[in-house]
Amino acid sequence: MTHVVVRNGNVDGALKKFKQKVARSGIPSEFKKREHYEKPGIKRRKAKAEAIKNSRKQARRGERD
């Protein structure tokens, strides 16, 4: 369970830190993934498209440097 200590009444700062911790733990993305059932073939297609997108992004970054 994620928890954050509020110091000096700084609720906004504590909320920001809590949201960061939750995002890093991967809970929101896991929830989105499990929201609806996906067939295995569709999962593979999405993963392949994501890999292509990431490789193109890396290639663009390599050209800049």
PDB file of N, CA and C in Angstrom:
ATOM      1  N   MET A   1       0.833  -1.178   0.000  1.00  0.00           N
ATOM      2  CA  MET A   1       0.000   0.000   0.000  1.00  0.00           C
ATOM      3  C   MET A   1       0.879   1.243   0.000  1.00  0.00           C
ATOM      4  N   THR A   2       0.591   2.146  -0.901  1.00  0.00           N
ATOM      5  CA  THR A   2       1.354   3.377  -1.008  1.00  0.00           C
ATOM      6  C   THR A   2       0.826   4.392  -0.004  1.00  0.00           C
ATOM      7  N   HIS A   3       1.740   5.016   0.713  1.00  0.00           N
ATOM      8  CA  HIS A   3       1.322   6.070   1.633  1.00  0.00           C
ATOM      9  C   HIS A   3       2.343   7.196   1.607  1.00  0.00           C
ATOM     10  N   VAL A   4       1.861   8.405   1.928  1.00  0.00           N
ATOM     11  CA  VAL A   4       2.701   9.593   1.923  1.00  0.00           C
ATOM     12  C   VAL A   4       2.405  10.375   3.190  1.00  0.00           C
ATOM     13  N   VAL A   5       3.430  10.932   3.803  1.00  0.00           N
ATOM     14  CA  VAL A   5       3.274  11.729   5.012  1.00  0.00           C
ATOM     15  C   VAL A   5       3.091  13.192   4.619  1.00  0.00           C
ATOM     16  N   VAL A   6       2.045  13.825   5.181  1.00  0.00           N
ATOM     17  CA  VAL A   6       1.802  15.249   4.932  1.00  0.00           C
ATOM     18  C   VAL A   6       2.616  16.033   5.950  1.00  0.00           C
ATOM     19  N   ARG A   7       3.479  16.897   5.449  1.00  0.00           N
ATOM     20  CA  ARG A   7       4.339  17.685   6.342  1.00  0.00           C
ATOM     21  C   ARG A   7       3.963  19.154   6.264  1.00  0.00           C
ATOM     22  N   ASN A   8       3.892  19.792   7.398  1.00  0.00           N
ATOM     23  CA  ASN A   8       3.588  21.220   7.520  1.00  0.00           C
ATOM     24  C   ASN A   8       2.282  21.592   6.834  1.00  0.00           C
ATOM     25  N   GLY A   9       1.327  20.697   6.802  1.00  0.00           N
ATOM     26  CA  GLY A   9       0.027  20.977   6.195  1.00  0.00           C
ATOM     27  C   GLY A   9       0.059  21.124   4.683  1.00  0.00           C
ATOM     28  N   ASN A  10       1.114  20.645   4.051  1.00  0.00           N
ATOM     29  CA  ASN A  10       1.276  20.765   2.598  1.00  0.00           C
ATOM     30  C   ASN A  10       0.587  19.580   1.909  1.00  0.00           C
ATOM     31  N   VAL A  11      -0.728  19.697   1.768  1.00  0.00           N
ATOM     32  CA  VAL A  11      -1.514  18.609   1.184  1.00  0.00           C
ATOM     33  C   VAL A  11      -1.259  18.505  -0.317  1.00  0.00           C
ATOM     34  N   ASP A  12      -1.098  19.651  -0.987  1.00  0.00           N
ATOM     35  CA  ASP A  12      -0.858  19.627  -2.434  1.00  0.00           C
ATOM     36  C   ASP A  12       0.439  18.899  -2.768  1.00  0.00           C
ATOM     37  N   GLY A  13       1.477  19.173  -2.020  1.00  0.00           N
ATOM     38  CA  GLY A  13       2.753  18.494  -2.252  1.00  0.00           C
ATOM     39  C   GLY A  13       2.660  17.002  -1.981  1.00  0.00           C
ATOM     40  N   ALA A  14       1.928  16.645  -0.921  1.00  0.00           N
ATOM     41  CA  ALA A  14       1.762  15.233  -0.590  1.00  0.00           C
ATOM     42  C   ALA A  14       0.949  14.517  -1.667  1.00  0.00           C
ATOM     43  N   LEU A  15      -0.074  15.182  -2.197  1.00  0.00           N
ATOM     44  CA  LEU A  15      -0.891  14.590  -3.254  1.00  0.00           C
ATOM     45  C   LEU A  15      -0.067  14.372  -4.511  1.00  0.00           C
ATOM     46  N   LYS A  16       0.775  15.337  -4.839  1.00  0.00           N
ATOM     47  CA  LYS A  16       1.647  15.220  -6.013  1.00  0.00           C
ATOM     48  C   LYS A  16       2.590  14.028  -5.851  1.00  0.00           C
ATOM     49  N   LYS A  17       3.186  13.910  -4.668  1.00  0.00           N
ATOM     50  CA  LYS A  17       4.110  12.802  -4.406  1.00  0.00           C
ATOM     51  C   LYS A  17       3.384  11.450  -4.451  1.00  0.00           C
ATOM     52  N   PHE A  18       2.148  11.423  -3.917  1.00  0.00           N
ATOM     53  CA  PHE A  18       1.355  10.192  -3.949  1.00  0.00           C
ATOM     54  C   PHE A  18       1.058   9.771  -5.378  1.00  0.00           C
ATOM     55  N   LYS A  19       0.652  10.726  -6.216  1.00  0.00           N
ATOM     56  CA  LYS A  19       0.348  10.417  -7.612  1.00  0.00           C
ATOM     57  C   LYS A  19       1.585   9.890  -8.337  1.00  0.00           C
ATOM     58  N   GLN A  20       2.752  10.453  -8.044  1.00  0.00           N
ATOM     59  CA  GLN A  20       3.995   9.986  -8.657  1.00  0.00           C
ATOM     60  C   GLN A  20       4.293   8.544  -8.252  1.00  0.00           C
ATOM     61  N   LYS A  21       4.122   8.244  -6.961  1.00  0.00           N
ATOM     62  CA  LYS A  21       4.396   6.891  -6.478  1.00  0.00           C
ATOM     63  C   LYS A  21       3.451   5.875  -7.106  1.00  0.00           C
ATOM     64  N   VAL A  22       2.173   6.240  -7.217  1.00  0.00           N
ATOM     65  CA  VAL A  22       1.188   5.338  -7.808  1.00  0.00           C
ATOM     66  C   VAL A  22       1.505   5.108  -9.286  1.00  0.00           C
ATOM     67  N   ALA A  23       1.865   6.183  -9.996  1.00  0.00           N
ATOM     68  CA  ALA A  23       2.186   6.052 -11.418  1.00  0.00           C
ATOM     69  C   ALA A  23       3.413   5.166 -11.615  1.00  0.00           C
ATOM     70  N   ARG A  24       4.428   5.310 -10.775  1.00  0.00           N
ATOM     71  CA  ARG A  24       5.639   4.496 -10.884  1.00  0.00           C
ATOM     72  C   ARG A  24       5.377   3.029 -10.592  1.00  0.00           C
ATOM     73  N   SER A  25       4.409   2.766  -9.721  1.00  0.00           N
ATOM     74  CA  SER A  25       4.120   1.380  -9.374  1.00  0.00           C
ATOM     75  C   SER A  25       3.407   0.642 -10.506  1.00  0.00           C
ATOM     76  N   GLY A  26       2.837   1.386 -11.453  1.00  0.00           N
ATOM     77  CA  GLY A  26       2.211   0.769 -12.618  1.00  0.00           C
ATOM     78  C   GLY A  26       0.759   0.386 -12.425  1.00  0.00           C
ATOM     79  N   ILE A  27       0.136   0.827 -11.366  1.00  0.00           N
ATOM     80  CA  ILE A  27      -1.257   0.473 -11.089  1.00  0.00           C
ATOM     81  C   ILE A  27      -2.207   0.990 -12.165  1.00  0.00           C
ATOM     82  N   PRO A  28      -2.124   2.271 -12.578  1.00  0.00           N
ATOM     83  CA  PRO A  28      -3.078   2.753 -13.601  1.00  0.00           C
ATOM     84  C   PRO A  28      -2.967   2.013 -14.925  1.00  0.00           C
ATOM     85  N   SER A  29      -1.752   1.749 -15.384  1.00  0.00           N
ATOM     86  CA  SER A  29      -1.598   1.047 -16.658  1.00  0.00           C
ATOM     87  C   SER A  29      -2.084  -0.397 -16.554  1.00  0.00           C
ATOM     88  N   GLU A  30      -1.856  -1.028 -15.414  1.00  0.00           N
ATOM     89  CA  GLU A  30      -2.335  -2.391 -15.209  1.00  0.00           C
ATOM     90  C   GLU A  30      -3.864  -2.420 -15.207  1.00  0.00           C
ATOM     91  N   PHE A  31      -4.464  -1.427 -14.598  1.00  0.00           N
ATOM     92  CA  PHE A  31      -5.930  -1.355 -14.563  1.00  0.00           C
ATOM     93  C   PHE A  31      -6.496  -1.185 -15.973  1.00  0.00           C
ATOM     94  N   LYS A  32      -5.883  -0.309 -16.762  1.00  0.00           N
ATOM     95  CA  LYS A  32      -6.342  -0.101 -18.135  1.00  0.00           C
ATOM     96  C   LYS A  32      -6.212  -1.385 -18.948  1.00  0.00           C
ATOM     97  N   LYS A  33      -5.119  -2.113 -18.718  1.00  0.00           N
ATOM     98  CA  LYS A  33      -4.871  -3.347 -19.456  1.00  0.00           C
ATOM     99  C   LYS A  33      -5.938  -4.403 -19.144  1.00  0.00           C
ATOM    100  N   ARG A  34      -6.389  -4.458 -17.912  1.00  0.00           N
ATOM    101  CA  ARG A  34      -7.327  -5.490 -17.490  1.00  0.00           C
ATOM    102  C   ARG A  34      -8.782  -5.056 -17.572  1.00  0.00           C
ATOM    103  N   GLU A  35      -9.022  -3.843 -18.032  1.00  0.00           N
ATOM    104  CA  GLU A  35     -10.389  -3.318 -18.075  1.00  0.00           C
ATOM    105  C   GLU A  35     -11.276  -4.131 -19.025  1.00  0.00           C
ATOM    106  N   HIS A  36     -10.726  -4.512 -20.188  1.00  0.00           N
ATOM    107  CA  HIS A  36     -11.458  -5.300 -21.171  1.00  0.00           C
ATOM    108  C   HIS A  36     -10.577  -6.462 -21.618  1.00  0.00           C
ATOM    109  N   TYR A  37     -11.216  -7.576 -21.961  1.00  0.00           N
ATOM    110  CA  TYR A  37     -10.462  -8.732 -22.440  1.00  0.00           C
ATOM    111  C   TYR A  37      -9.965  -8.468 -23.849  1.00  0.00           C
ATOM    112  N   GLU A  38      -8.732  -8.849 -24.103  1.00  0.00           N
ATOM    113  CA  GLU A  38      -8.138  -8.731 -25.430  1.00  0.00           C
ATOM    114  C   GLU A  38      -7.694 -10.105 -25.890  1.00  0.00           C
ATOM    115  N   LYS A  39      -8.013 -10.433 -27.110  1.00  0.00           N
ATOM    116  CA  LYS A  39      -7.574 -11.706 -27.661  1.00  0.00           C
ATOM    117  C   LYS A  39      -6.050 -11.705 -27.766  1.00  0.00           C
ATOM    118  N   PRO A  40      -5.425 -12.868 -27.661  1.00  0.00           N
ATOM    119  CA  PRO A  40      -3.960 -12.937 -27.735  1.00  0.00           C
ATOM    120  C   PRO A  40      -3.392 -12.373 -29.037  1.00  0.00           C
ATOM    121  N   GLY A  41      -4.080 -12.586 -30.149  1.00  0.00           N
ATOM    122  CA  GLY A  41      -3.588 -12.062 -31.429  1.00  0.00           C
ATOM    123  C   GLY A  41      -3.581 -10.543 -31.456  1.00  0.00           C
ATOM    124  N   ILE A  42      -4.589  -9.945 -30.856  1.00  0.00           N
ATOM    125  CA  ILE A  42      -4.661  -8.485 -30.804  1.00  0.00           C
ATOM    126  C   ILE A  42      -3.559  -7.941 -29.900  1.00  0.00           C
ATOM    127  N   LYS A  43      -3.298  -8.653 -28.797  1.00  0.00           N
ATOM    128  CA  LYS A  43      -2.195  -8.249 -27.913  1.00  0.00           C
ATOM    129  C   LYS A  43      -0.868  -8.242 -28.665  1.00  0.00           C
ATOM    130  N   ARG A  44      -0.649  -9.299 -29.464  1.00  0.00           N
ATOM    131  CA  ARG A  44       0.601  -9.403 -30.235  1.00  0.00           C
ATOM    132  C   ARG A  44       0.708  -8.255 -31.231  1.00  0.00           C
ATOM    133  N   ARG A  45      -0.401  -7.953 -31.922  1.00  0.00           N
ATOM    134  CA  ARG A  45      -0.381  -6.866 -32.908  1.00  0.00           C
ATOM    135  C   ARG A  45      -0.066  -5.531 -32.254  1.00  0.00           C
ATOM    136  N   LYS A  46      -0.675  -5.290 -31.102  1.00  0.00           N
ATOM    137  CA  LYS A  46      -0.420  -4.032 -30.389  1.00  0.00           C
ATOM    138  C   LYS A  46       1.036  -3.959 -29.931  1.00  0.00           C
ATOM    139  N   ALA A  47       1.561  -5.069 -29.423  1.00  0.00           N
ATOM    140  CA  ALA A  47       2.948  -5.097 -28.963  1.00  0.00           C
ATOM    141  C   ALA A  47       3.904  -4.856 -30.128  1.00  0.00           C
ATOM    142  N   LYS A  48       3.600  -5.447 -31.287  1.00  0.00           N
ATOM    143  CA  LYS A  48       4.449  -5.266 -32.459  1.00  0.00           C
ATOM    144  C   LYS A  48       4.409  -3.812 -32.930  1.00  0.00           C
ATOM    145  N   ALA A  49       3.223  -3.215 -32.949  1.00  0.00           N
ATOM    146  CA  ALA A  49       3.088  -1.810 -33.358  1.00  0.00           C
ATOM    147  C   ALA A  49       3.839  -0.900 -32.391  1.00  0.00           C
ATOM    148  N   GLU A  50       3.767  -1.207 -31.105  1.00  0.00           N
ATOM    149  CA  GLU A  50       4.481  -0.416 -30.098  1.00  0.00           C
ATOM    150  C   GLU A  50       5.996  -0.535 -30.290  1.00  0.00           C
ATOM    151  N   ALA A  51       6.472  -1.730 -30.596  1.00  0.00           N
ATOM    152  CA  ALA A  51       7.901  -1.944 -30.819  1.00  0.00           C
ATOM    153  C   ALA A  51       8.376  -1.176 -32.052  1.00  0.00           C
ATOM    154  N   ILE A  52       7.576  -1.172 -33.103  1.00  0.00           N
ATOM    155  CA  ILE A  52       7.926  -0.424 -34.317  1.00  0.00           C
ATOM    156  C   ILE A  52       7.990   1.068 -34.012  1.00  0.00           C
ATOM    157  N   LYS A  53       6.994   1.546 -33.264  1.00  0.00           N
ATOM    158  CA  LYS A  53       6.946   2.964 -32.906  1.00  0.00           C
ATOM    159  C   LYS A  53       8.179   3.355 -32.081  1.00  0.00           C
ATOM    160  N   ASN A  54       8.542   2.500 -31.119  1.00  0.00           N
ATOM    161  CA  ASN A  54       9.702   2.796 -30.282  1.00  0.00           C
ATOM    162  C   ASN A  54      11.000   2.759 -31.070  1.00  0.00           C
ATOM    163  N   SER A  55      11.119   1.830 -32.015  1.00  0.00           N
ATOM    164  CA  SER A  55      12.351   1.751 -32.800  1.00  0.00           C
ATOM    165  C   SER A  55      12.486   2.977 -33.704  1.00  0.00           C
ATOM    166  N   ARG A  56      11.377   3.433 -34.251  1.00  0.00           N
ATOM    167  CA  ARG A  56      11.419   4.655 -35.074  1.00  0.00           C
ATOM    168  C   ARG A  56      11.792   5.869 -34.237  1.00  0.00           C
ATOM    169  N   LYS A  57      11.265   5.912 -33.015  1.00  0.00           N
ATOM    170  CA  LYS A  57      11.586   7.021 -32.113  1.00  0.00           C
ATOM    171  C   LYS A  57      13.078   7.016 -31.777  1.00  0.00           C
ATOM    172  N   GLN A  58      13.627   5.823 -31.508  1.00  0.00           N
ATOM    173  CA  GLN A  58      15.055   5.709 -31.207  1.00  0.00           C
ATOM    174  C   GLN A  58      15.900   6.128 -32.410  1.00  0.00           C
ATOM    175  N   ALA A  59      15.455   5.777 -33.618  1.00  0.00           N
ATOM    176  CA  ALA A  59      16.193   6.148 -34.824  1.00  0.00           C
ATOM    177  C   ALA A  59      16.207   7.665 -34.993  1.00  0.00           C
ATOM    178  N   ARG A  60      15.069   8.308 -34.723  1.00  0.00           N
ATOM    179  CA  ARG A  60      15.011   9.774 -34.826  1.00  0.00           C
ATOM    180  C   ARG A  60      15.928  10.421 -33.805  1.00  0.00           C
ATOM    181  N   ARG A  61      15.956   9.861 -32.607  1.00  0.00           N
ATOM    182  CA  ARG A  61      16.830  10.414 -31.562  1.00  0.00           C
ATOM    183  C   ARG A  61      18.297  10.235 -31.946  1.00  0.00           C
ATOM    184  N   GLY A  62      18.621   9.121 -32.599  1.00  0.00           N
ATOM    185  CA  GLY A  62      19.986   8.861 -33.030  1.00  0.00           C
ATOM    186  C   GLY A  62      20.432   9.835 -34.102  1.00  0.00           C
ATOM    187  N   GLU A  63      19.513  10.254 -34.965  1.00  0.00           N
ATOM    188  CA  GLU A  63      19.843  11.219 -36.021  1.00  0.00           C
ATOM    189  C   GLU A  63      20.148  12.584 -35.430  1.00  0.00           C
ATOM    190  N   ARG A  64      19.437  12.934 -34.363  1.00  0.00           N
ATOM    191  CA  ARG A  64      19.634  14.254 -33.745  1.00  0.00           C
ATOM    192  C   ARG A  64      21.001  14.396 -33.116  1.00  0.00           C
ATOM    193  N   ASP A  65      21.474  13.334 -32.505  1.00  0.00           N
ATOM    194  CA  ASP A  65      22.751  13.410 -31.761  1.00  0.00           C
ATOM    195  C   ASP A  65      23.950  13.459 -32.627  1.00  0.00           C
TER     196      ASP A  65
END
